[in-house]
Amino acid sequence: MIGGGEESYFDQFSGYSISMLFQNFGYYLLGHLRAFWAGPSIRLSAEVILPILYIAAVPLIIYGFIRRARRSTLLIELFFVFYMGVILVWPSVQELRFLYPILPLLLLYMGVGFEGVLEMLNARLPRRVIQAGAIAVGFGILLIYGVRVIDVVTEETWVTDGPYTSASQELFKFVTDETDPDSIFVFSKPRALSLYTERAGSAFPWTQSIPIAADYLNEIQADYAILMKTSDEPNARLAEFIQAQPVAFDSVFSSDQFEVYRLKRDQLVLNPD
């Protein structure tokens, strides 16, 4: 939070609008968080679909948070409020993964809220009725998630993507068999490449100018560049960089989805314009 340039994240707040707060609220709490409690749903409209577990969980979470805050040291609750505040204010959204650190807390608060509801009902209804109802709710939740797990496992069994596609496997085989183990690669998925090929890698600095990007490739002593033939910004910018430096890149592998270039660092021009 302190400093400027690459030492700080505050540059991302340039041009910030308060509307981002409301956008993040809907994106995280009404969108991705809703998907965490998937299962049987109630369709309110073509755009609004609310899982039954989500409808039940939200009031329990709120009640559980209040109930626990009254009887705890507040350390976890302060973290929860701080973290929620950060992701709601942050100027960019990062899907469900930004919510991972607090998902266990949401389950905790839901459990505390459920416990509080049982205590209130115990004072008004026979104990056996409460126990039967609690067992039924717990069994229903397990049944819903059991069906979900079966669906996910079935989909993962039949649908392959990412590193499991034949194109990715072909790329990894080329990198493993045809390049030196000490080679350094520039790729939009460097960690996946490292995992499957044991080659060092780095992402292309696609937000930087051509001179800075060229200097970076020299600095890390990059040997190869892998271009994924997609329209996303990192790969599109890498393609522009290669086109601007044709003498420095020799194509050594090509498929429908990937192109591998051997990089001649001594041929890189810091400012091709």
C-alpha atoms as a PDB file:
ATOM      1  CA  MET A   1       0.000   0.000   0.000  1.00  0.00           C
ATOM      2  CA  ILE A   2       3.005   2.260   0.416  1.00  0.00           C
ATOM      3  CA  GLY A   3       5.041   3.668  -2.450  1.00  0.00           C
ATOM      4  CA  GLY A   4       4.383   4.172  -6.115  1.00  0.00           C
ATOM      5  CA  GLY A   5       4.747   2.387  -9.427  1.00  0.00           C
ATOM      6  CA  GLU A   6       5.336  -1.353  -9.166  1.00  0.00           C
ATOM      7  CA  GLU A   7       5.929  -1.087  -5.403  1.00  0.00           C
ATOM      8  CA  SER A   8       2.263  -0.306  -4.793  1.00  0.00           C
ATOM      9  CA  TYR A   9      -1.198  -1.289  -5.973  1.00  0.00           C
ATOM     10  CA  PHE A  10      -2.661   2.196  -5.603  1.00  0.00           C
ATOM     11  CA  ASP A  11      -2.101   2.940  -9.290  1.00  0.00           C
ATOM     12  CA  GLN A  12      -5.066   0.639  -9.990  1.00  0.00           C
ATOM     13  CA  PHE A  13      -7.330   3.191  -8.325  1.00  0.00           C
ATOM     14  CA  SER A  14      -6.686   5.848 -10.962  1.00  0.00           C
ATOM     15  CA  GLY A  15     -10.022   6.871 -12.439  1.00  0.00           C
ATOM     16  CA  TYR A  16     -11.861   5.025  -9.667  1.00  0.00           C
ATOM     17  CA  SER A  17     -15.637   5.389  -9.508  1.00  0.00           C
ATOM     18  CA  ILE A  18     -17.911   4.678  -6.538  1.00  0.00           C
ATOM     19  CA  SER A  19     -20.078   2.674  -8.937  1.00  0.00           C
ATOM     20  CA  MET A  20     -17.413  -0.048  -8.742  1.00  0.00           C
ATOM     21  CA  LEU A  21     -18.500  -0.723  -5.153  1.00  0.00           C
ATOM     22  CA  PHE A  22     -22.046  -1.550  -6.266  1.00  0.00           C
ATOM     23  CA  GLN A  23     -20.763  -3.512  -9.241  1.00  0.00           C
ATOM     24  CA  ASN A  24     -18.553  -5.642  -6.992  1.00  0.00           C
ATOM     25  CA  PHE A  25     -21.404  -6.178  -4.536  1.00  0.00           C
ATOM     26  CA  GLY A  26     -23.582  -7.661  -7.246  1.00  0.00           C
ATOM     27  CA  TYR A  27     -20.701  -9.542  -8.858  1.00  0.00           C
ATOM     28  CA  TYR A  28     -19.455 -11.269  -5.720  1.00  0.00           C
ATOM     29  CA  LEU A  29     -22.422 -11.529  -3.371  1.00  0.00           C
ATOM     30  CA  LEU A  30     -25.219 -12.015  -5.884  1.00  0.00           C
ATOM     31  CA  GLY A  31     -23.182 -13.780  -8.536  1.00  0.00           C
ATOM     32  CA  HIS A  32     -20.229 -15.928  -7.581  1.00  0.00           C
ATOM     33  CA  LEU A  33     -21.117 -16.405  -3.924  1.00  0.00           C
ATOM     34  CA  ARG A  34     -24.549 -17.594  -5.011  1.00  0.00           C
ATOM     35  CA  ALA A  35     -22.887 -20.339  -7.064  1.00  0.00           C
ATOM     36  CA  PHE A  36     -21.181 -21.659  -3.905  1.00  0.00           C
ATOM     37  CA  TRP A  37     -24.590 -22.774  -2.625  1.00  0.00           C
ATOM     38  CA  ALA A  38     -25.659 -24.458  -5.840  1.00  0.00           C
ATOM     39  CA  GLY A  39     -28.471 -26.963  -6.043  1.00  0.00           C
ATOM     40  CA  PRO A  40     -32.260 -26.742  -6.504  1.00  0.00           C
ATOM     41  CA  SER A  41     -33.106 -23.157  -7.445  1.00  0.00           C
ATOM     42  CA  ILE A  42     -35.987 -20.720  -7.595  1.00  0.00           C
ATOM     43  CA  ARG A  43     -36.180 -18.811 -10.881  1.00  0.00           C
ATOM     44  CA  LEU A  44     -37.470 -15.297 -10.304  1.00  0.00           C
ATOM     45  CA  SER A  45     -36.769 -14.186 -13.876  1.00  0.00           C
ATOM     46  CA  ALA A  46     -34.585 -15.070 -16.827  1.00  0.00           C
ATOM     47  CA  GLU A  47     -31.664 -13.293 -15.160  1.00  0.00           C
ATOM     48  CA  VAL A  48     -32.363 -13.930 -11.467  1.00  0.00           C
ATOM     49  CA  ILE A  49     -31.932 -17.524 -10.289  1.00  0.00           C
ATOM     50  CA  LEU A  50     -31.539 -18.091  -6.542  1.00  0.00           C
ATOM     51  CA  PRO A  51     -30.496 -21.508  -5.154  1.00  0.00           C
ATOM     52  CA  ILE A  52     -32.609 -22.589  -2.209  1.00  0.00           C
ATOM     53  CA  LEU A  53     -29.520 -23.134  -0.057  1.00  0.00           C
ATOM     54  CA  TYR A  54     -28.359 -19.596  -0.818  1.00  0.00           C
ATOM     55  CA  ILE A  55     -31.710 -18.140   0.220  1.00  0.00           C
ATOM     56  CA  ALA A  56     -31.488 -20.077   3.496  1.00  0.00           C
ATOM     57  CA  ALA A  57     -27.794 -19.416   4.093  1.00  0.00           C
ATOM     58  CA  VAL A  58     -27.739 -15.615   3.823  1.00  0.00           C
ATOM     59  CA  PRO A  59     -29.993 -14.824   6.829  1.00  0.00           C
ATOM     60  CA  LEU A  60     -28.253 -17.546   8.865  1.00  0.00           C
ATOM     61  CA  ILE A  61     -24.841 -16.016   8.023  1.00  0.00           C
ATOM     62  CA  ILE A  62     -25.976 -12.544   9.075  1.00  0.00           C
ATOM     63  CA  TYR A  63     -27.519 -13.869  12.286  1.00  0.00           C
ATOM     64  CA  GLY A  64     -24.503 -16.081  12.971  1.00  0.00           C
ATOM     65  CA  PHE A  65     -22.083 -13.187  12.456  1.00  0.00           C
ATOM     66  CA  ILE A  66     -23.991 -11.000  14.941  1.00  0.00           C
ATOM     67  CA  ARG A  67     -24.338 -13.860  17.414  1.00  0.00           C
ATOM     68  CA  ARG A  68     -20.642 -14.767  17.299  1.00  0.00           C
ATOM     69  CA  ALA A  69     -19.497 -11.138  17.416  1.00  0.00           C
ATOM     70  CA  ARG A  70     -21.320 -10.733  20.725  1.00  0.00           C
ATOM     71  CA  ARG A  71     -19.466 -13.601  22.366  1.00  0.00           C
ATOM     72  CA  SER A  72     -16.027 -13.708  20.725  1.00  0.00           C
ATOM     73  CA  THR A  73     -12.776 -11.730  20.767  1.00  0.00           C
ATOM     74  CA  LEU A  74     -13.788 -10.200  17.393  1.00  0.00           C
ATOM     75  CA  LEU A  75     -10.447 -11.045  15.736  1.00  0.00           C
ATOM     76  CA  ILE A  76     -12.026 -13.245  13.072  1.00  0.00           C
ATOM     77  CA  GLU A  77     -14.959 -10.872  12.668  1.00  0.00           C
ATOM     78  CA  LEU A  78     -12.640  -7.883  12.153  1.00  0.00           C
ATOM     79  CA  PHE A  79     -10.727  -9.841   9.499  1.00  0.00           C
ATOM     80  CA  PHE A  80     -14.009 -10.781   7.824  1.00  0.00           C
ATOM     81  CA  VAL A  81     -15.223  -7.165   7.694  1.00  0.00           C
ATOM     82  CA  PHE A  82     -11.818  -5.854   6.550  1.00  0.00           C
ATOM     83  CA  TYR A  83     -11.451  -8.469   3.817  1.00  0.00           C
ATOM     84  CA  MET A  84     -14.993  -7.975   2.550  1.00  0.00           C
ATOM     85  CA  GLY A  85     -14.387  -4.234   2.485  1.00  0.00           C
ATOM     86  CA  VAL A  86     -11.196  -4.648   0.438  1.00  0.00           C
ATOM     87  CA  ILE A  87     -12.699  -6.870  -2.260  1.00  0.00           C
ATOM     88  CA  LEU A  88     -15.851  -4.739  -2.538  1.00  0.00           C
ATOM     89  CA  VAL A  89     -13.834  -1.534  -2.938  1.00  0.00           C
ATOM     90  CA  TRP A  90     -11.163  -3.056  -5.209  1.00  0.00           C
ATOM     91  CA  PRO A  91     -11.333  -1.667  -8.780  1.00  0.00           C
ATOM     92  CA  SER A  92     -11.264  -5.059 -10.511  1.00  0.00           C
ATOM     93  CA  VAL A  93     -13.132  -8.306  -9.987  1.00  0.00           C
ATOM     94  CA  GLN A  94     -11.404 -11.701  -9.767  1.00  0.00           C
ATOM     95  CA  GLU A  95     -14.240 -14.229  -9.754  1.00  0.00           C
ATOM     96  CA  LEU A  96     -14.908 -16.634  -6.881  1.00  0.00           C
ATOM     97  CA  ARG A  97     -11.221 -17.034  -5.996  1.00  0.00           C
ATOM     98  CA  PHE A  98     -11.226 -13.674  -4.171  1.00  0.00           C
ATOM     99  CA  LEU A  99     -13.859 -15.150  -1.842  1.00  0.00           C
ATOM    100  CA  TYR A 100     -11.908 -18.322  -0.996  1.00  0.00           C
ATOM    101  CA  PRO A 101     -10.307 -16.899   2.208  1.00  0.00           C
ATOM    102  CA  ILE A 102     -13.733 -16.175   3.730  1.00  0.00           C
ATOM    103  CA  LEU A 103     -15.747 -19.166   2.497  1.00  0.00           C
ATOM    104  CA  PRO A 104     -14.837 -21.149   5.655  1.00  0.00           C
ATOM    105  CA  LEU A 105     -16.010 -18.179   7.735  1.00  0.00           C
ATOM    106  CA  LEU A 106     -19.307 -18.066   5.844  1.00  0.00           C
ATOM    107  CA  LEU A 107     -19.830 -21.737   6.694  1.00  0.00           C
ATOM    108  CA  LEU A 108     -18.877 -20.999  10.316  1.00  0.00           C
ATOM    109  CA  TYR A 109     -21.373 -18.135  10.606  1.00  0.00           C
ATOM    110  CA  MET A 110     -24.068 -20.198   8.921  1.00  0.00           C
ATOM    111  CA  GLY A 111     -23.455 -22.955  11.485  1.00  0.00           C
ATOM    112  CA  VAL A 112     -23.541 -20.516  14.405  1.00  0.00           C
ATOM    113  CA  GLY A 113     -26.742 -19.010  13.028  1.00  0.00           C
ATOM    114  CA  PHE A 114     -28.277 -22.456  12.617  1.00  0.00           C
ATOM    115  CA  GLU A 115     -27.286 -23.270  16.193  1.00  0.00           C
ATOM    116  CA  GLY A 116     -28.996 -20.088  17.413  1.00  0.00           C
ATOM    117  CA  VAL A 117     -32.186 -20.892  15.511  1.00  0.00           C
ATOM    118  CA  LEU A 118     -32.244 -24.366  17.070  1.00  0.00           C
ATOM    119  CA  GLU A 119     -31.915 -22.847  20.545  1.00  0.00           C
ATOM    120  CA  MET A 120     -34.863 -20.536  19.902  1.00  0.00           C
ATOM    121  CA  LEU A 121     -36.956 -23.373  18.523  1.00  0.00           C
ATOM    122  CA  ASN A 122     -36.030 -25.607  21.467  1.00  0.00           C
ATOM    123  CA  ALA A 123     -37.782 -23.163  23.740  1.00  0.00           C
ATOM    124  CA  ARG A 124     -40.988 -23.391  21.708  1.00  0.00           C
ATOM    125  CA  LEU A 125     -41.167 -26.907  20.221  1.00  0.00           C
ATOM    126  CA  PRO A 126     -40.635 -30.466  21.509  1.00  0.00           C
ATOM    127  CA  ARG A 127     -36.981 -31.530  21.444  1.00  0.00           C
ATOM    128  CA  ARG A 128     -37.631 -34.558  19.238  1.00  0.00           C
ATOM    129  CA  VAL A 129     -39.301 -32.393  16.617  1.00  0.00           C
ATOM    130  CA  ILE A 130     -36.282 -30.076  16.585  1.00  0.00           C
ATOM    131  CA  GLN A 131     -33.860 -32.993  16.318  1.00  0.00           C
ATOM    132  CA  ALA A 132     -35.811 -34.555  13.460  1.00  0.00           C
ATOM    133  CA  GLY A 133     -35.942 -31.226  11.634  1.00  0.00           C
ATOM    134  CA  ALA A 134     -32.204 -30.629  12.071  1.00  0.00           C
ATOM    135  CA  ILE A 135     -31.404 -34.125  10.792  1.00  0.00           C
ATOM    136  CA  ALA A 136     -33.697 -33.605   7.798  1.00  0.00           C
ATOM    137  CA  VAL A 137     -32.019 -30.279   6.935  1.00  0.00           C
ATOM    138  CA  GLY A 138     -28.540 -31.752   7.293  1.00  0.00           C
ATOM    139  CA  PHE A 139     -29.432 -34.787   5.188  1.00  0.00           C
ATOM    140  CA  GLY A 140     -30.992 -32.539   2.529  1.00  0.00           C
ATOM    141  CA  ILE A 141     -27.823 -30.440   2.274  1.00  0.00           C
ATOM    142  CA  LEU A 142     -25.652 -33.558   2.006  1.00  0.00           C
ATOM    143  CA  LEU A 143     -27.959 -34.969  -0.666  1.00  0.00           C
ATOM    144  CA  ILE A 144     -27.802 -31.763  -2.721  1.00  0.00           C
ATOM    145  CA  TYR A 145     -24.020 -31.630  -2.586  1.00  0.00           C
ATOM    146  CA  GLY A 146     -23.768 -35.358  -3.248  1.00  0.00           C
ATOM    147  CA  VAL A 147     -25.671 -34.910  -6.502  1.00  0.00           C
ATOM    148  CA  ARG A 148     -23.483 -31.925  -7.341  1.00  0.00           C
ATOM    149  CA  VAL A 149     -20.290 -33.913  -6.747  1.00  0.00           C
ATOM    150  CA  ILE A 150     -21.528 -36.719  -9.004  1.00  0.00           C
ATOM    151  CA  ASP A 151     -22.334 -34.177 -11.745  1.00  0.00           C
ATOM    152  CA  VAL A 152     -18.921 -32.502 -11.450  1.00  0.00           C
ATOM    153  CA  VAL A 153     -17.051 -35.817 -11.477  1.00  0.00           C
ATOM    154  CA  THR A 154     -19.028 -36.953 -14.519  1.00  0.00           C
ATOM    155  CA  GLU A 155     -18.338 -33.712 -16.380  1.00  0.00           C
ATOM    156  CA  GLU A 156     -14.627 -33.814 -15.529  1.00  0.00           C
ATOM    157  CA  THR A 157     -14.466 -37.418 -16.706  1.00  0.00           C
ATOM    158  CA  TRP A 158     -15.913 -36.673 -20.122  1.00  0.00           C
ATOM    159  CA  VAL A 159     -14.846 -33.097 -20.737  1.00  0.00           C
ATOM    160  CA  THR A 160     -11.152 -32.252 -20.977  1.00  0.00           C
ATOM    161  CA  ASP A 161      -9.781 -28.760 -21.091  1.00  0.00           C
ATOM    162  CA  GLY A 162      -6.699 -26.760 -20.202  1.00  0.00           C
ATOM    163  CA  PRO A 163      -3.583 -28.937 -19.864  1.00  0.00           C
ATOM    164  CA  TYR A 164      -5.542 -32.121 -20.631  1.00  0.00           C
ATOM    165  CA  THR A 165      -6.376 -31.320 -24.253  1.00  0.00           C
ATOM    166  CA  SER A 166      -4.481 -33.097 -27.005  1.00  0.00           C
ATOM    167  CA  ALA A 167      -3.076 -29.746 -28.200  1.00  0.00           C
ATOM    168  CA  SER A 168      -1.642 -28.993 -24.743  1.00  0.00           C
ATOM    169  CA  GLN A 169      -0.205 -32.479 -24.424  1.00  0.00           C
ATOM    170  CA  GLU A 170       1.436 -32.112 -27.829  1.00  0.00           C
ATOM    171  CA  LEU A 171       2.946 -28.783 -26.768  1.00  0.00           C
ATOM    172  CA  PHE A 172       4.255 -30.206 -23.499  1.00  0.00           C
ATOM    173  CA  LYS A 173       5.783 -33.170 -25.314  1.00  0.00           C
ATOM    174  CA  PHE A 174       7.633 -30.870 -27.708  1.00  0.00           C
ATOM    175  CA  VAL A 175       8.929 -28.690 -24.887  1.00  0.00           C
ATOM    176  CA  THR A 176      10.042 -31.726 -22.885  1.00  0.00           C
ATOM    177  CA  ASP A 177      11.639 -33.627 -25.762  1.00  0.00           C
ATOM    178  CA  GLU A 178      13.057 -30.872 -27.949  1.00  0.00           C
ATOM    179  CA  THR A 179      14.287 -28.153 -25.591  1.00  0.00           C
ATOM    180  CA  ASP A 180      17.080 -27.961 -23.072  1.00  0.00           C
ATOM    181  CA  PRO A 181      15.983 -28.518 -19.434  1.00  0.00           C
ATOM    182  CA  ASP A 182      17.567 -25.182 -18.503  1.00  0.00           C
ATOM    183  CA  SER A 183      15.579 -23.257 -21.126  1.00  0.00           C
ATOM    184  CA  ILE A 184      13.496 -20.302 -19.987  1.00  0.00           C
ATOM    185  CA  PHE A 185      10.084 -19.777 -21.576  1.00  0.00           C
ATOM    186  CA  VAL A 186       7.748 -16.836 -21.947  1.00  0.00           C
ATOM    187  CA  PHE A 187       4.162 -18.090 -21.787  1.00  0.00           C
ATOM    188  CA  SER A 188       0.798 -16.856 -20.541  1.00  0.00           C
ATOM    189  CA  LYS A 189       0.527 -19.950 -18.302  1.00  0.00           C
ATOM    190  CA  PRO A 190       4.060 -20.286 -16.903  1.00  0.00           C
ATOM    191  CA  ARG A 191       3.099 -22.256 -13.796  1.00  0.00           C
ATOM    192  CA  ALA A 192       1.218 -24.886 -15.812  1.00  0.00           C
ATOM    193  CA  LEU A 193       4.138 -25.136 -18.209  1.00  0.00           C
ATOM    194  CA  SER A 194       6.570 -25.567 -15.313  1.00  0.00           C
ATOM    195  CA  LEU A 195       4.379 -28.223 -13.709  1.00  0.00           C
ATOM    196  CA  TYR A 196       4.104 -30.389 -16.830  1.00  0.00           C
ATOM    197  CA  THR A 197       7.530 -29.827 -18.413  1.00  0.00           C
ATOM    198  CA  GLU A 198       9.841 -28.829 -15.520  1.00  0.00           C
ATOM    199  CA  ARG A 199      10.902 -25.740 -17.485  1.00  0.00           C
ATOM    200  CA  ALA A 200      11.281 -22.299 -15.974  1.00  0.00           C
ATOM    201  CA  GLY A 201       8.874 -19.711 -17.301  1.00  0.00           C
ATOM    202  CA  SER A 202       7.537 -16.199 -16.984  1.00  0.00           C
ATOM    203  CA  ALA A 203       4.503 -14.335 -18.230  1.00  0.00           C
ATOM    204  CA  PHE A 204       4.992 -11.775 -20.980  1.00  0.00           C
ATOM    205  CA  PRO A 205       4.863  -8.180 -19.627  1.00  0.00           C
ATOM    206  CA  TRP A 206       1.991  -7.317 -21.965  1.00  0.00           C
ATOM    207  CA  THR A 207       1.091  -4.056 -20.194  1.00  0.00           C
ATOM    208  CA  GLN A 208       4.544  -2.603 -20.856  1.00  0.00           C
ATOM    209  CA  SER A 209       5.917  -0.818 -23.910  1.00  0.00           C
ATOM    210  CA  ILE A 210       7.973  -2.684 -26.510  1.00  0.00           C
ATOM    211  CA  PRO A 211      11.331  -1.346 -25.230  1.00  0.00           C
ATOM    212  CA  ILE A 212      10.569  -2.340 -21.639  1.00  0.00           C
ATOM    213  CA  ALA A 213       9.251  -5.762 -22.722  1.00  0.00           C
ATOM    214  CA  ALA A 214      12.378  -6.375 -24.819  1.00  0.00           C
ATOM    215  CA  ASP A 215      14.592  -5.361 -21.918  1.00  0.00           C
ATOM    216  CA  TYR A 216      12.685  -7.742 -19.645  1.00  0.00           C
ATOM    217  CA  LEU A 217      13.195 -10.703 -22.004  1.00  0.00           C
ATOM    218  CA  ASN A 218      16.902  -9.925 -22.003  1.00  0.00           C
ATOM    219  CA  GLU A 219      16.957  -9.601 -18.231  1.00  0.00           C
ATOM    220  CA  ILE A 220      15.388 -13.037 -17.593  1.00  0.00           C
ATOM    221  CA  GLN A 221      17.466 -14.546 -20.450  1.00  0.00           C
ATOM    222  CA  ALA A 222      14.393 -15.972 -22.177  1.00  0.00           C
ATOM    223  CA  ASP A 223      15.095 -18.702 -24.736  1.00  0.00           C
ATOM    224  CA  TYR A 224      11.619 -19.403 -26.095  1.00  0.00           C
ATOM    225  CA  ALA A 225       8.228 -17.714 -26.405  1.00  0.00           C
ATOM    226  CA  ILE A 226       4.989 -19.697 -26.593  1.00  0.00           C
ATOM    227  CA  LEU A 227       2.115 -17.933 -28.300  1.00  0.00           C
ATOM    228  CA  MET A 228      -1.364 -19.197 -27.552  1.00  0.00           C
ATOM    229  CA  LYS A 229      -3.514 -18.425 -30.578  1.00  0.00           C
ATOM    230  CA  THR A 230      -6.304 -16.622 -28.752  1.00  0.00           C
ATOM    231  CA  SER A 231      -7.597 -13.062 -28.714  1.00  0.00           C
ATOM    232  CA  ASP A 232      -6.964 -12.366 -25.033  1.00  0.00           C
ATOM    233  CA  GLU A 233      -4.739  -9.400 -24.272  1.00  0.00           C
ATOM    234  CA  PRO A 234      -1.572 -11.160 -23.050  1.00  0.00           C
ATOM    235  CA  ASN A 235      -1.323 -13.360 -26.141  1.00  0.00           C
ATOM    236  CA  ALA A 236      -2.503 -10.650 -28.526  1.00  0.00           C
ATOM    237  CA  ARG A 237       0.192  -8.301 -27.220  1.00  0.00           C
ATOM    238  CA  LEU A 238       2.826 -11.031 -27.467  1.00  0.00           C
ATOM    239  CA  ALA A 239       1.783 -11.607 -31.086  1.00  0.00           C
ATOM    240  CA  GLU A 240       2.187  -7.872 -31.766  1.00  0.00           C
ATOM    241  CA  PHE A 241       5.610  -7.933 -30.133  1.00  0.00           C
ATOM    242  CA  ILE A 242       6.732 -10.890 -32.268  1.00  0.00           C
ATOM    243  CA  GLN A 243       5.445  -9.216 -35.432  1.00  0.00           C
ATOM    244  CA  ALA A 244       7.380  -6.070 -34.499  1.00  0.00           C
ATOM    245  CA  GLN A 245      10.557  -8.130 -33.961  1.00  0.00           C
ATOM    246  CA  PRO A 246      10.442 -10.784 -36.742  1.00  0.00           C
ATOM    247  CA  VAL A 247      14.222 -11.185 -36.944  1.00  0.00           C
ATOM    248  CA  ALA A 248      14.452 -12.106 -33.265  1.00  0.00           C
ATOM    249  CA  PHE A 249      11.920 -14.969 -33.374  1.00  0.00           C
ATOM    250  CA  ASP A 250      12.185 -18.289 -35.243  1.00  0.00           C
ATOM    251  CA  SER A 251       9.147 -20.562 -35.266  1.00  0.00           C
ATOM    252  CA  VAL A 252      10.130 -24.069 -34.161  1.00  0.00           C
ATOM    253  CA  PHE A 253       6.722 -25.585 -33.402  1.00  0.00           C
ATOM    254  CA  SER A 254       3.206 -24.866 -34.620  1.00  0.00           C
ATOM    255  CA  SER A 255      -0.238 -26.356 -34.021  1.00  0.00           C
ATOM    256  CA  ASP A 256      -3.826 -25.168 -34.206  1.00  0.00           C
ATOM    257  CA  GLN A 257      -3.573 -23.604 -30.735  1.00  0.00           C
ATOM    258  CA  PHE A 258       0.100 -22.913 -30.075  1.00  0.00           C
ATOM    259  CA  GLU A 259       3.206 -21.517 -31.736  1.00  0.00           C
ATOM    260  CA  VAL A 260       6.652 -21.870 -30.180  1.00  0.00           C
ATOM    261  CA  TYR A 261       9.388 -19.414 -31.139  1.00  0.00           C
ATOM    262  CA  ARG A 262      13.092 -19.636 -30.404  1.00  0.00           C
ATOM    263  CA  LEU A 263      14.234 -16.244 -29.218  1.00  0.00           C
ATOM    264  CA  LYS A 264      17.468 -14.657 -30.432  1.00  0.00           C
ATOM    265  CA  ARG A 265      18.006 -12.082 -27.715  1.00  0.00           C
ATOM    266  CA  ASP A 266      20.905 -10.406 -29.519  1.00  0.00           C
ATOM    267  CA  GLN A 267      18.490  -9.552 -32.336  1.00  0.00           C
ATOM    268  CA  LEU A 268      15.954  -7.802 -30.109  1.00  0.00           C
ATOM    269  CA  VAL A 269      15.558  -4.118 -30.951  1.00  0.00           C
ATOM    270  CA  LEU A 270      14.748  -2.030 -27.905  1.00  0.00           C
ATOM    271  CA  ASN A 271      12.797   0.496 -29.962  1.00  0.00           C
ATOM    272  CA  PRO A 272      11.724  -0.900 -33.355  1.00  0.00           C
ATOM    273  CA  ASP A 273       9.883   2.319 -34.213  1.00  0.00           C
END
